[in-house]
Amino acid sequence: DCEGSFTNLQETGYLQGGLAYKVVKILRDTPYGALPLIYAACQRRGKQLVKKYMSVWRNTRPSLSGRDLTSLGVKEGETIGRLLEHLLRMRLAGKVKSRGEEIEYVRSYLKKHG
């Protein structure tokens, strides 16, 4: 239930500061061909979110790759996946807008966490 999923996110407070990321997490494993069906099943707010996902959020990715992270000094392993997911969240929220800002964030992270 499209409306139920998005309404539940709203009621539990998950939409604050991470709306795009939450929608991406819900829909990213959905086959593209099924998205119009989900859109059709939704009410107004759900339709807006699915449309935004289909037109913008679905194609949003961090500029940096795992290989880039290792070249910046991030140790191989789970940290790379977590950092890439965090960079995606920040990119979707508009907190980083360029490759350079992503690099600055990673360097800052490494200073704090080693």
PDB file of N, CA and C in Angstrom:
ATOM      1  N   ASP A   1       0.846  -1.192   0.000  1.00  0.00           N
ATOM      2  CA  ASP A   1       0.000   0.000   0.000  1.00  0.00           C
ATOM      3  C   ASP A   1       0.880   1.240   0.000  1.00  0.00           C
ATOM      4  N   CYS A   2       0.860   1.938  -1.117  1.00  0.00           N
ATOM      5  CA  CYS A   2       1.705   3.118  -1.309  1.00  0.00           C
ATOM      6  C   CYS A   2       1.458   4.183  -0.257  1.00  0.00           C
ATOM      7  N   GLU A   3       0.219   4.557  -0.099  1.00  0.00           N
ATOM      8  CA  GLU A   3      -0.096   5.620   0.871  1.00  0.00           C
ATOM      9  C   GLU A   3       0.261   5.188   2.279  1.00  0.00           C
ATOM     10  N   GLY A   4       0.020   3.929   2.593  1.00  0.00           N
ATOM     11  CA  GLY A   4       0.344   3.432   3.917  1.00  0.00           C
ATOM     12  C   GLY A   4       1.834   3.525   4.207  1.00  0.00           C
ATOM     13  N   SER A   5       2.660   3.172   3.222  1.00  0.00           N
ATOM     14  CA  SER A   5       4.113   3.234   3.418  1.00  0.00           C
ATOM     15  C   SER A   5       4.572   4.657   3.673  1.00  0.00           C
ATOM     16  N   PHE A   6       4.117   5.601   2.842  1.00  0.00           N
ATOM     17  CA  PHE A   6       4.566   6.981   2.994  1.00  0.00           C
ATOM     18  C   PHE A   6       3.947   7.634   4.220  1.00  0.00           C
ATOM     19  N   THR A   7       2.692   7.305   4.521  1.00  0.00           N
ATOM     20  CA  THR A   7       2.046   7.855   5.708  1.00  0.00           C
ATOM     21  C   THR A   7       2.741   7.350   6.960  1.00  0.00           C
ATOM     22  N   ASN A   8       3.087   6.059   6.981  1.00  0.00           N
ATOM     23  CA  ASN A   8       3.792   5.492   8.124  1.00  0.00           C
ATOM     24  C   ASN A   8       5.132   6.203   8.330  1.00  0.00           C
ATOM     25  N   LEU A   9       5.844   6.493   7.258  1.00  0.00           N
ATOM     26  CA  LEU A   9       7.103   7.231   7.384  1.00  0.00           C
ATOM     27  C   LEU A   9       6.858   8.601   8.005  1.00  0.00           C
ATOM     28  N   GLN A  10       5.813   9.259   7.555  1.00  0.00           N
ATOM     29  CA  GLN A  10       5.495  10.589   8.056  1.00  0.00           C
ATOM     30  C   GLN A  10       5.154  10.540   9.549  1.00  0.00           C
ATOM     31  N   GLU A  11       4.327   9.590   9.930  1.00  0.00           N
ATOM     32  CA  GLU A  11       3.887   9.490  11.317  1.00  0.00           C
ATOM     33  C   GLU A  11       5.025   9.132  12.261  1.00  0.00           C
ATOM     34  N   THR A  12       5.985   8.353  11.797  1.00  0.00           N
ATOM     35  CA  THR A  12       7.082   7.950  12.666  1.00  0.00           C
ATOM     36  C   THR A  12       8.228   8.949  12.642  1.00  0.00           C
ATOM     37  N   GLY A  13       8.081  10.026  11.877  1.00  0.00           N
ATOM     38  CA  GLY A  13       9.092  11.074  11.864  1.00  0.00           C
ATOM     39  C   GLY A  13      10.261  10.811  10.937  1.00  0.00           C
ATOM     40  N   TYR A  14      10.195   9.751  10.137  1.00  0.00           N
ATOM     41  CA  TYR A  14      11.320   9.426   9.270  1.00  0.00           C
ATOM     42  C   TYR A  14      11.482  10.386   8.094  1.00  0.00           C
ATOM     43  N   LEU A  15      10.490  11.203   7.817  1.00  0.00           N
ATOM     44  CA  LEU A  15      10.610  12.081   6.663  1.00  0.00           C
ATOM     45  C   LEU A  15      11.407  13.338   6.958  1.00  0.00           C
ATOM     46  N   GLN A  16      11.566  13.687   8.201  1.00  0.00           N
ATOM     47  CA  GLN A  16      12.278  14.911   8.526  1.00  0.00           C
ATOM     48  C   GLN A  16      13.752  14.755   8.184  1.00  0.00           C
ATOM     49  N   GLY A  17      14.231  15.620   7.293  1.00  0.00           N
ATOM     50  CA  GLY A  17      15.637  15.624   6.944  1.00  0.00           C
ATOM     51  C   GLY A  17      16.089  14.503   6.036  1.00  0.00           C
ATOM     52  N   GLY A  18      15.251  13.596   5.687  1.00  0.00           N
ATOM     53  CA  GLY A  18      15.693  12.490   4.849  1.00  0.00           C
ATOM     54  C   GLY A  18      14.615  11.943   3.949  1.00  0.00           C
ATOM     55  N   LEU A  19      13.684  12.785   3.551  1.00  0.00           N
ATOM     56  CA  LEU A  19      12.573  12.332   2.722  1.00  0.00           C
ATOM     57  C   LEU A  19      13.054  11.605   1.475  1.00  0.00           C
ATOM     58  N   ALA A  20      13.922  12.235   0.731  1.00  0.00           N
ATOM     59  CA  ALA A  20      14.371  11.626  -0.525  1.00  0.00           C
ATOM     60  C   ALA A  20      15.044  10.286  -0.264  1.00  0.00           C
ATOM     61  N   TYR A  21      15.902  10.245   0.740  1.00  0.00           N
ATOM     62  CA  TYR A  21      16.624   9.016   1.046  1.00  0.00           C
ATOM     63  C   TYR A  21      15.660   7.900   1.452  1.00  0.00           C
ATOM     64  N   LYS A  22      14.666   8.222   2.254  1.00  0.00           N
ATOM     65  CA  LYS A  22      13.705   7.204   2.688  1.00  0.00           C
ATOM     66  C   LYS A  22      12.916   6.660   1.504  1.00  0.00           C
ATOM     67  N   VAL A  23      12.497   7.541   0.600  1.00  0.00           N
ATOM     68  CA  VAL A  23      11.755   7.093  -0.584  1.00  0.00           C
ATOM     69  C   VAL A  23      12.658   6.215  -1.454  1.00  0.00           C
ATOM     70  N   VAL A  24      13.916   6.628  -1.614  1.00  0.00           N
ATOM     71  CA  VAL A  24      14.862   5.825  -2.395  1.00  0.00           C
ATOM     72  C   VAL A  24      15.027   4.443  -1.766  1.00  0.00           C
ATOM     73  N   LYS A  25      15.156   4.383  -0.441  1.00  0.00           N
ATOM     74  CA  LYS A  25      15.309   3.083   0.226  1.00  0.00           C
ATOM     75  C   LYS A  25      14.099   2.186  -0.003  1.00  0.00           C
ATOM     76  N   ILE A  26      12.899   2.782  -0.025  1.00  0.00           N
ATOM     77  CA  ILE A  26      11.682   1.998  -0.248  1.00  0.00           C
ATOM     78  C   ILE A  26      11.594   1.502  -1.687  1.00  0.00           C
ATOM     79  N   LEU A  27      11.945   2.357  -2.647  1.00  0.00           N
ATOM     80  CA  LEU A  27      11.672   2.054  -4.051  1.00  0.00           C
ATOM     81  C   LEU A  27      12.863   1.552  -4.861  1.00  0.00           C
ATOM     82  N   ARG A  28      14.084   1.628  -4.359  1.00  0.00           N
ATOM     83  CA  ARG A  28      15.247   1.347  -5.214  1.00  0.00           C
ATOM     84  C   ARG A  28      15.336  -0.090  -5.719  1.00  0.00           C
ATOM     85  N   ASP A  29      14.762  -1.034  -5.035  1.00  0.00           N
ATOM     86  CA  ASP A  29      14.807  -2.417  -5.512  1.00  0.00           C
ATOM     87  C   ASP A  29      13.574  -2.798  -6.333  1.00  0.00           C
ATOM     88  N   THR A  30      12.702  -1.819  -6.546  1.00  0.00           N
ATOM     89  CA  THR A  30      11.491  -2.050  -7.325  1.00  0.00           C
ATOM     90  C   THR A  30      11.829  -1.995  -8.814  1.00  0.00           C
ATOM     91  N   PRO A  31      11.427  -2.992  -9.595  1.00  0.00           N
ATOM     92  CA  PRO A  31      11.669  -2.923 -11.035  1.00  0.00           C
ATOM     93  C   PRO A  31      11.046  -1.657 -11.625  1.00  0.00           C
ATOM     94  N   TYR A  32      11.771  -1.015 -12.535  1.00  0.00           N
ATOM     95  CA  TYR A  32      11.308   0.252 -13.095  1.00  0.00           C
ATOM     96  C   TYR A  32       9.905   0.131 -13.697  1.00  0.00           C
ATOM     97  N   GLY A  33       9.624  -0.982 -14.327  1.00  0.00           N
ATOM     98  CA  GLY A  33       8.314  -1.183 -14.946  1.00  0.00           C
ATOM     99  C   GLY A  33       7.160  -1.223 -13.954  1.00  0.00           C
ATOM    100  N   ALA A  34       7.455  -1.511 -12.696  1.00  0.00           N
ATOM    101  CA  ALA A  34       6.408  -1.554 -11.670  1.00  0.00           C
ATOM    102  C   ALA A  34       6.109  -0.173 -11.083  1.00  0.00           C
ATOM    103  N   LEU A  35       6.994   0.788 -11.290  1.00  0.00           N
ATOM    104  CA  LEU A  35       6.799   2.113 -10.698  1.00  0.00           C
ATOM    105  C   LEU A  35       5.518   2.815 -11.168  1.00  0.00           C
ATOM    106  N   PRO A  36       5.157   2.722 -12.459  1.00  0.00           N
ATOM    107  CA  PRO A  36       3.887   3.329 -12.861  1.00  0.00           C
ATOM    108  C   PRO A  36       2.676   2.704 -12.154  1.00  0.00           C
ATOM    109  N   LEU A  37       2.757   1.423 -11.848  1.00  0.00           N
ATOM    110  CA  LEU A  37       1.665   0.768 -11.125  1.00  0.00           C
ATOM    111  C   LEU A  37       1.589   1.291  -9.688  1.00  0.00           C
ATOM    112  N   ILE A  38       2.739   1.473  -9.059  1.00  0.00           N
ATOM    113  CA  ILE A  38       2.770   2.041  -7.710  1.00  0.00           C
ATOM    114  C   ILE A  38       2.227   3.464  -7.748  1.00  0.00           C
ATOM    115  N   TYR A  39       2.651   4.220  -8.747  1.00  0.00           N
ATOM    116  CA  TYR A  39       2.170   5.595  -8.922  1.00  0.00           C
ATOM    117  C   TYR A  39       0.646   5.610  -9.018  1.00  0.00           C
ATOM    118  N   ALA A  40       0.098   4.728  -9.838  1.00  0.00           N
ATOM    119  CA  ALA A  40      -1.353   4.688 -10.040  1.00  0.00           C
ATOM    120  C   ALA A  40      -2.099   4.321  -8.757  1.00  0.00           C
ATOM    121  N   ALA A  41      -1.471   3.540  -7.891  1.00  0.00           N
ATOM    122  CA  ALA A  41      -2.123   3.101  -6.652  1.00  0.00           C
ATOM    123  C   ALA A  41      -2.082   4.161  -5.548  1.00  0.00           C
ATOM    124  N   CYS A  42      -1.296   5.195  -5.759  1.00  0.00           N
ATOM    125  CA  CYS A  42      -1.112   6.203  -4.708  1.00  0.00           C
ATOM    126  C   CYS A  42      -2.106   7.364  -4.816  1.00  0.00           C
ATOM    127  N   GLN A  43      -2.276   8.021  -3.693  1.00  0.00           N
ATOM    128  CA  GLN A  43      -3.022   9.271  -3.657  1.00  0.00           C
ATOM    129  C   GLN A  43      -2.054  10.396  -4.001  1.00  0.00           C
ATOM    130  N   ARG A  44      -2.481  11.623  -3.839  1.00  0.00           N
ATOM    131  CA  ARG A  44      -1.719  12.788  -4.275  1.00  0.00           C
ATOM    132  C   ARG A  44      -0.285  12.844  -3.745  1.00  0.00           C
ATOM    133  N   ARG A  45      -0.068  12.759  -2.438  1.00  0.00           N
ATOM    134  CA  ARG A  45       1.277  12.875  -1.860  1.00  0.00           C
ATOM    135  C   ARG A  45       2.172  11.723  -2.318  1.00  0.00           C
ATOM    136  N   GLY A  46       1.639  10.527  -2.318  1.00  0.00           N
ATOM    137  CA  GLY A  46       2.399   9.376  -2.783  1.00  0.00           C
ATOM    138  C   GLY A  46       2.784   9.510  -4.244  1.00  0.00           C
ATOM    139  N   LYS A  47       1.856  10.011  -5.070  1.00  0.00           N
ATOM    140  CA  LYS A  47       2.145  10.227  -6.491  1.00  0.00           C
ATOM    141  C   LYS A  47       3.299  11.211  -6.654  1.00  0.00           C
ATOM    142  N   GLN A  48       3.292  12.288  -5.864  1.00  0.00           N
ATOM    143  CA  GLN A  48       4.367  13.284  -5.940  1.00  0.00           C
ATOM    144  C   GLN A  48       5.716  12.640  -5.624  1.00  0.00           C
ATOM    145  N   LEU A  49       5.748  11.811  -4.587  1.00  0.00           N
ATOM    146  CA  LEU A  49       6.999  11.180  -4.183  1.00  0.00           C
ATOM    147  C   LEU A  49       7.485  10.170  -5.216  1.00  0.00           C
ATOM    148  N   VAL A  50       6.588   9.369  -5.757  1.00  0.00           N
ATOM    149  CA  VAL A  50       6.968   8.391  -6.772  1.00  0.00           C
ATOM    150  C   VAL A  50       7.450   9.107  -8.027  1.00  0.00           C
ATOM    151  N   LYS A  51       6.774  10.167  -8.413  1.00  0.00           N
ATOM    152  CA  LYS A  51       7.177  10.937  -9.596  1.00  0.00           C
ATOM    153  C   LYS A  51       8.569  11.545  -9.408  1.00  0.00           C
ATOM    154  N   LYS A  52       8.821  12.108  -8.232  1.00  0.00           N
ATOM    155  CA  LYS A  52      10.137  12.684  -7.938  1.00  0.00           C
ATOM    156  C   LYS A  52      11.205  11.593  -7.954  1.00  0.00           C
ATOM    157  N   TYR A  53      10.880  10.429  -7.409  1.00  0.00           N
ATOM    158  CA  TYR A  53      11.813   9.305  -7.436  1.00  0.00           C
ATOM    159  C   TYR A  53      12.134   8.926  -8.884  1.00  0.00           C
ATOM    160  N   MET A  54      11.097   8.787  -9.707  1.00  0.00           N
ATOM    161  CA  MET A  54      11.295   8.353 -11.084  1.00  0.00           C
ATOM    162  C   MET A  54      12.083   9.374 -11.899  1.00  0.00           C
ATOM    163  N   SER A  55      11.880  10.660 -11.633  1.00  0.00           N
ATOM    164  CA  SER A  55      12.513  11.684 -12.465  1.00  0.00           C
ATOM    165  C   SER A  55      13.868  12.166 -11.946  1.00  0.00           C
ATOM    166  N   VAL A  56      14.112  12.086 -10.643  1.00  0.00           N
ATOM    167  CA  VAL A  56      15.342  12.666 -10.093  1.00  0.00           C
ATOM    168  C   VAL A  56      16.081  11.701  -9.170  1.00  0.00           C
ATOM    169  N   TRP A  57      15.444  11.308  -8.087  1.00  0.00           N
ATOM    170  CA  TRP A  57      16.134  10.582  -7.022  1.00  0.00           C
ATOM    171  C   TRP A  57      16.687   9.237  -7.457  1.00  0.00           C
ATOM    172  N   ARG A  58      16.005   8.554  -8.372  1.00  0.00           N
ATOM    173  CA  ARG A  58      16.415   7.220  -8.813  1.00  0.00           C
ATOM    174  C   ARG A  58      17.813   7.238  -9.433  1.00  0.00           C
ATOM    175  N   ASN A  59      18.174   8.340 -10.054  1.00  0.00           N
ATOM    176  CA  ASN A  59      19.457   8.448 -10.748  1.00  0.00           C
ATOM    177  C   ASN A  59      20.527   9.162  -9.933  1.00  0.00           C
ATOM    178  N   THR A  60      20.224   9.541  -8.706  1.00  0.00           N
ATOM    179  CA  THR A  60      21.190  10.251  -7.875  1.00  0.00           C
ATOM    180  C   THR A  60      22.173   9.257  -7.273  1.00  0.00           C
ATOM    181  N   ARG A  61      23.445   9.559  -7.412  1.00  0.00           N
ATOM    182  CA  ARG A  61      24.517   8.715  -6.879  1.00  0.00           C
ATOM    183  C   ARG A  61      25.619   9.621  -6.325  1.00  0.00           C
ATOM    184  N   PRO A  62      26.384   9.112  -5.375  1.00  0.00           N
ATOM    185  CA  PRO A  62      27.573   9.867  -4.975  1.00  0.00           C
ATOM    186  C   PRO A  62      28.540   9.943  -6.161  1.00  0.00           C
ATOM    187  N   SER A  63      29.317  10.997  -6.224  1.00  0.00           N
ATOM    188  CA  SER A  63      30.326  11.118  -7.284  1.00  0.00           C
ATOM    189  C   SER A  63      31.494  10.186  -7.023  1.00  0.00           C
ATOM    190  N   LEU A  64      31.768   9.935  -5.745  1.00  0.00           N
ATOM    191  CA  LEU A  64      32.894   9.091  -5.374  1.00  0.00           C
ATOM    192  C   LEU A  64      32.511   7.615  -5.433  1.00  0.00           C
ATOM    193  N   SER A  65      33.472   6.796  -5.773  1.00  0.00           N
ATOM    194  CA  SER A  65      33.274   5.348  -5.795  1.00  0.00           C
ATOM    195  C   SER A  65      34.030   4.732  -4.617  1.00  0.00           C
ATOM    196  N   GLY A  66      33.863   3.452  -4.419  1.00  0.00           N
ATOM    197  CA  GLY A  66      34.616   2.751  -3.391  1.00  0.00           C
ATOM    198  C   GLY A  66      36.113   2.862  -3.629  1.00  0.00           C
ATOM    199  N   ARG A  67      36.497   2.804  -4.871  1.00  0.00           N
ATOM    200  CA  ARG A  67      37.914   2.943  -5.238  1.00  0.00           C
ATOM    201  C   ARG A  67      38.432   4.332  -4.869  1.00  0.00           C
ATOM    202  N   ASP A  68      37.597   5.347  -5.102  1.00  0.00           N
ATOM    203  CA  ASP A  68      37.977   6.711  -4.710  1.00  0.00           C
ATOM    204  C   ASP A  68      38.183   6.796  -3.197  1.00  0.00           C
ATOM    205  N   LEU A  69      37.290   6.152  -2.456  1.00  0.00           N
ATOM    206  CA  LEU A  69      37.393   6.194  -0.999  1.00  0.00           C
ATOM    207  C   LEU A  69      38.686   5.539  -0.516  1.00  0.00           C
ATOM    208  N   THR A  70      39.047   4.403  -1.110  1.00  0.00           N
ATOM    209  CA  THR A  70      40.299   3.762  -0.694  1.00  0.00           C
ATOM    210  C   THR A  70      41.497   4.635  -1.049  1.00  0.00           C
ATOM    211  N   SER A  71      41.445   5.334  -2.169  1.00  0.00           N
ATOM    212  CA  SER A  71      42.567   6.210  -2.532  1.00  0.00           C
ATOM    213  C   SER A  71      42.660   7.414  -1.596  1.00  0.00           C
ATOM    214  N   LEU A  72      41.554   7.744  -0.931  1.00  0.00           N
ATOM    215  CA  LEU A  72      41.573   8.838   0.052  1.00  0.00           C
ATOM    216  C   LEU A  72      42.007   8.341   1.433  1.00  0.00           C
ATOM    217  N   GLY A  73      42.164   7.023   1.577  1.00  0.00           N
ATOM    218  CA  GLY A  73      42.653   6.480   2.831  1.00  0.00           C
ATOM    219  C   GLY A  73      41.647   5.695   3.643  1.00  0.00           C
ATOM    220  N   VAL A  74      40.454   5.473   3.101  1.00  0.00           N
ATOM    221  CA  VAL A  74      39.450   4.669   3.813  1.00  0.00           C
ATOM    222  C   VAL A  74      39.842   3.204   3.679  1.00  0.00           C
ATOM    223  N   LYS A  75      39.849   2.489   4.796  1.00  0.00           N
ATOM    224  CA  LYS A  75      40.200   1.070   4.775  1.00  0.00           C
ATOM    225  C   LYS A  75      39.093   0.268   4.102  1.00  0.00           C
ATOM    226  N   GLU A  76      39.510  -0.742   3.351  1.00  0.00           N
ATOM    227  CA  GLU A  76      38.526  -1.595   2.680  1.00  0.00           C
ATOM    228  C   GLU A  76      37.670  -2.311   3.708  1.00  0.00           C
ATOM    229  N   GLY A  77      36.428  -2.548   3.350  1.00  0.00           N
ATOM    230  CA  GLY A  77      35.506  -3.248   4.242  1.00  0.00           C
ATOM    231  C   GLY A  77      34.178  -2.523   4.341  1.00  0.00           C
ATOM    232  N   GLU A  78      33.471  -2.787   5.436  1.00  0.00           N
ATOM    233  CA  GLU A  78      32.122  -2.255   5.631  1.00  0.00           C
ATOM    234  C   GLU A  78      32.079  -0.731   5.656  1.00  0.00           C
ATOM    235  N   THR A  79      33.158  -0.102   6.097  1.00  0.00           N
ATOM    236  CA  THR A  79      33.171   1.363   6.181  1.00  0.00           C
ATOM    237  C   THR A  79      32.923   1.998   4.827  1.00  0.00           C
ATOM    238  N   ILE A  80      33.432   1.401   3.784  1.00  0.00           N
ATOM    239  CA  ILE A  80      33.243   1.958   2.445  1.00  0.00           C
ATOM    240  C   ILE A  80      31.756   1.971   2.083  1.00  0.00           C
ATOM    241  N   GLY A  81      31.072   0.872   2.309  1.00  0.00           N
ATOM    242  CA  GLY A  81      29.638   0.812   2.015  1.00  0.00           C
ATOM    243  C   GLY A  81      28.845   1.818   2.829  1.00  0.00           C
ATOM    244  N   ARG A  82      29.185   1.924   4.118  1.00  0.00           N
ATOM    245  CA  ARG A  82      28.477   2.885   4.975  1.00  0.00           C
ATOM    246  C   ARG A  82      28.723   4.319   4.515  1.00  0.00           C
ATOM    247  N   LEU A  83      29.988   4.614   4.158  1.00  0.00           N
ATOM    248  CA  LEU A  83      30.294   5.973   3.688  1.00  0.00           C
ATOM    249  C   LEU A  83      29.587   6.278   2.367  1.00  0.00           C
ATOM    250  N   LEU A  84      29.560   5.322   1.454  1.00  0.00           N
ATOM    251  CA  LEU A  84      28.861   5.545   0.180  1.00  0.00           C
ATOM    252  C   LEU A  84      27.370   5.779   0.409  1.00  0.00           C
ATOM    253  N   GLU A  85      26.785   5.023   1.316  1.00  0.00           N
ATOM    254  CA  GLU A  85      25.360   5.197   1.626  1.00  0.00           C
ATOM    255  C   GLU A  85      25.134   6.563   2.278  1.00  0.00           C
ATOM    256  N   HIS A  86      26.038   6.959   3.156  1.00  0.00           N
ATOM    257  CA  HIS A  86      25.921   8.269   3.800  1.00  0.00           C
ATOM    258  C   HIS A  86      26.101   9.396   2.781  1.00  0.00           C
ATOM    259  N   LEU A  87      27.026   9.241   1.843  1.00  0.00           N
ATOM    260  CA  LEU A  87      27.201  10.247   0.788  1.00  0.00           C
ATOM    261  C   LEU A  87      25.946  10.351  -0.070  1.00  0.00           C
ATOM    262  N   LEU A  88      25.301   9.229  -0.345  1.00  0.00           N
ATOM    263  CA  LEU A  88      24.038   9.250  -1.095  1.00  0.00           C
ATOM    264  C   LEU A  88      22.992  10.034  -0.320  1.00  0.00           C
ATOM    265  N   ARG A  89      22.867   9.739   0.973  1.00  0.00           N
ATOM    266  CA  ARG A  89      21.900  10.447   1.815  1.00  0.00           C
ATOM    267  C   ARG A  89      22.176  11.951   1.801  1.00  0.00           C
ATOM    268  N   MET A  90      23.428  12.325   1.922  1.00  0.00           N
ATOM    269  CA  MET A  90      23.788  13.745   1.933  1.00  0.00           C
ATOM    270  C   MET A  90      23.533  14.398   0.574  1.00  0.00           C
ATOM    271  N   ARG A  91      23.805  13.674  -0.494  1.00  0.00           N
ATOM    272  CA  ARG A  91      23.568  14.207  -1.842  1.00  0.00           C
ATOM    273  C   ARG A  91      22.070  14.423  -2.053  1.00  0.00           C
ATOM    274  N   LEU A  92      21.254  13.463  -1.656  1.00  0.00           N
ATOM    275  CA  LEU A  92      19.806  13.591  -1.808  1.00  0.00           C
ATOM    276  C   LEU A  92      19.240  14.727  -0.961  1.00  0.00           C
ATOM    277  N   ALA A  93      19.841  14.978   0.194  1.00  0.00           N
ATOM    278  CA  ALA A  93      19.383  16.057   1.074  1.00  0.00           C
ATOM    279  C   ALA A  93      19.946  17.411   0.661  1.00  0.00           C
ATOM    280  N   GLY A  94      20.821  17.422  -0.336  1.00  0.00           N
ATOM    281  CA  GLY A  94      21.411  18.680  -0.797  1.00  0.00           C
ATOM    282  C   GLY A  94      22.541  19.185   0.089  1.00  0.00           C
ATOM    283  N   LYS A  95      23.053  18.322   0.967  1.00  0.00           N
ATOM    284  CA  LYS A  95      24.127  18.742   1.877  1.00  0.00           C
ATOM    285  C   LYS A  95      25.495  18.695   1.207  1.00  0.00           C
ATOM    286  N   VAL A  96      25.645  17.872   0.192  1.00  0.00           N
ATOM    287  CA  VAL A  96      26.833  17.906  -0.669  1.00  0.00           C
ATOM    288  C   VAL A  96      26.331  17.983  -2.100  1.00  0.00           C
ATOM    289  N   LYS A  97      26.988  18.829  -2.884  1.00  0.00           N
ATOM    290  CA  LYS A  97      26.511  19.052  -4.250  1.00  0.00           C
ATOM    291  C   LYS A  97      27.567  18.785  -5.310  1.00  0.00           C
ATOM    292  N   SER A  98      28.777  18.486  -4.861  1.00  0.00           N
ATOM    293  CA  SER A  98      29.853  18.273  -5.829  1.00  0.00           C
ATOM    294  C   SER A  98      30.799  17.188  -5.345  1.00  0.00           C
ATOM    295  N   ARG A  99      31.613  16.733  -6.252  1.00  0.00           N
ATOM    296  CA  ARG A  99      32.641  15.747  -5.919  1.00  0.00           C
ATOM    297  C   ARG A  99      33.591  16.326  -4.867  1.00  0.00           C
ATOM    298  N   GLY A 100      33.945  17.581  -5.034  1.00  0.00           N
ATOM    299  CA  GLY A 100      34.840  18.240  -4.091  1.00  0.00           C
ATOM    300  C   GLY A 100      34.274  18.269  -2.679  1.00  0.00           C
ATOM    301  N   GLU A 101      32.975  18.536  -2.552  1.00  0.00           N
ATOM    302  CA  GLU A 101      32.345  18.534  -1.230  1.00  0.00           C
ATOM    303  C   GLU A 101      32.317  17.132  -0.636  1.00  0.00           C
ATOM    304  N   GLU A 102      32.143  16.120  -1.479  1.00  0.00           N
ATOM    305  CA  GLU A 102      32.186  14.742  -0.989  1.00  0.00           C
ATOM    306  C   GLU A 102      33.586  14.413  -0.472  1.00  0.00           C
ATOM    307  N   ILE A 103      34.609  14.827  -1.198  1.00  0.00           N
ATOM    308  CA  ILE A 103      35.990  14.590  -0.766  1.00  0.00           C
ATOM    309  C   ILE A 103      36.257  15.292   0.563  1.00  0.00           C
ATOM    310  N   GLU A 104      35.799  16.528   0.693  1.00  0.00           N
ATOM    311  CA  GLU A 104      35.962  17.265   1.953  1.00  0.00           C
ATOM    312  C   GLU A 104      35.295  16.513   3.101  1.00  0.00           C
ATOM    313  N   TYR A 105      34.094  15.993   2.854  1.00  0.00           N
ATOM    314  CA  TYR A 105      33.388  15.252   3.894  1.00  0.00           C
ATOM    315  C   TYR A 105      34.182  14.007   4.300  1.00  0.00           C
ATOM    316  N   VAL A 106      34.678  13.262   3.320  1.00  0.00           N
ATOM    317  CA  VAL A 106      35.419  12.032   3.620  1.00  0.00           C
ATOM    318  C   VAL A 106      36.683  12.365   4.402  1.00  0.00           C
ATOM    319  N   ARG A 107      37.387  13.402   4.010  1.00  0.00           N
ATOM    320  CA  ARG A 107      38.599  13.793   4.748  1.00  0.00           C
ATOM    321  C   ARG A 107      38.257  14.186   6.186  1.00  0.00           C
ATOM    322  N   SER A 108      37.166  14.897   6.356  1.00  0.00           N
ATOM    323  CA  SER A 108      36.723  15.272   7.703  1.00  0.00           C
ATOM    324  C   SER A 108      36.380  14.026   8.517  1.00  0.00           C
ATOM    325  N   TYR A 109      35.697  13.091   7.897  1.00  0.00           N
ATOM    326  CA  TYR A 109      35.343  11.826   8.546  1.00  0.00           C
ATOM    327  C   TYR A 109      36.612  11.097   8.999  1.00  0.00           C
ATOM    328  N   LEU A 110      37.609  11.041   8.117  1.00  0.00           N
ATOM    329  CA  LEU A 110      38.852  10.334   8.445  1.00  0.00           C
ATOM    330  C   LEU A 110      39.602  11.005   9.591  1.00  0.00           C
ATOM    331  N   LYS A 111      39.556  12.320   9.681  1.00  0.00           N
ATOM    332  CA  LYS A 111      40.197  13.019  10.800  1.00  0.00           C
ATOM    333  C   LYS A 111      39.540  12.653  12.121  1.00  0.00           C
ATOM    334  N   LYS A 112      38.221  12.499  12.093  1.00  0.00           N
ATOM    335  CA  LYS A 112      37.478  12.169  13.320  1.00  0.00           C
ATOM    336  C   LYS A 112      37.575  10.691  13.687  1.00  0.00           C
ATOM    337  N   HIS A 113      37.536   9.828  12.681  1.00  0.00           N
ATOM    338  CA  HIS A 113      37.413   8.386  12.927  1.00  0.00           C
ATOM    339  C   HIS A 113      38.653   7.574  12.555  1.00  0.00           C
ATOM    340  N   GLY A 114      39.628   8.224  11.993  1.00  0.00           N
ATOM    341  CA  GLY A 114      40.871   7.506  11.640  1.00  0.00           C
ATOM    342  C   GLY A 114      40.772   6.707  10.465  1.00  0.00           C
TER     343      GLY A 114
END
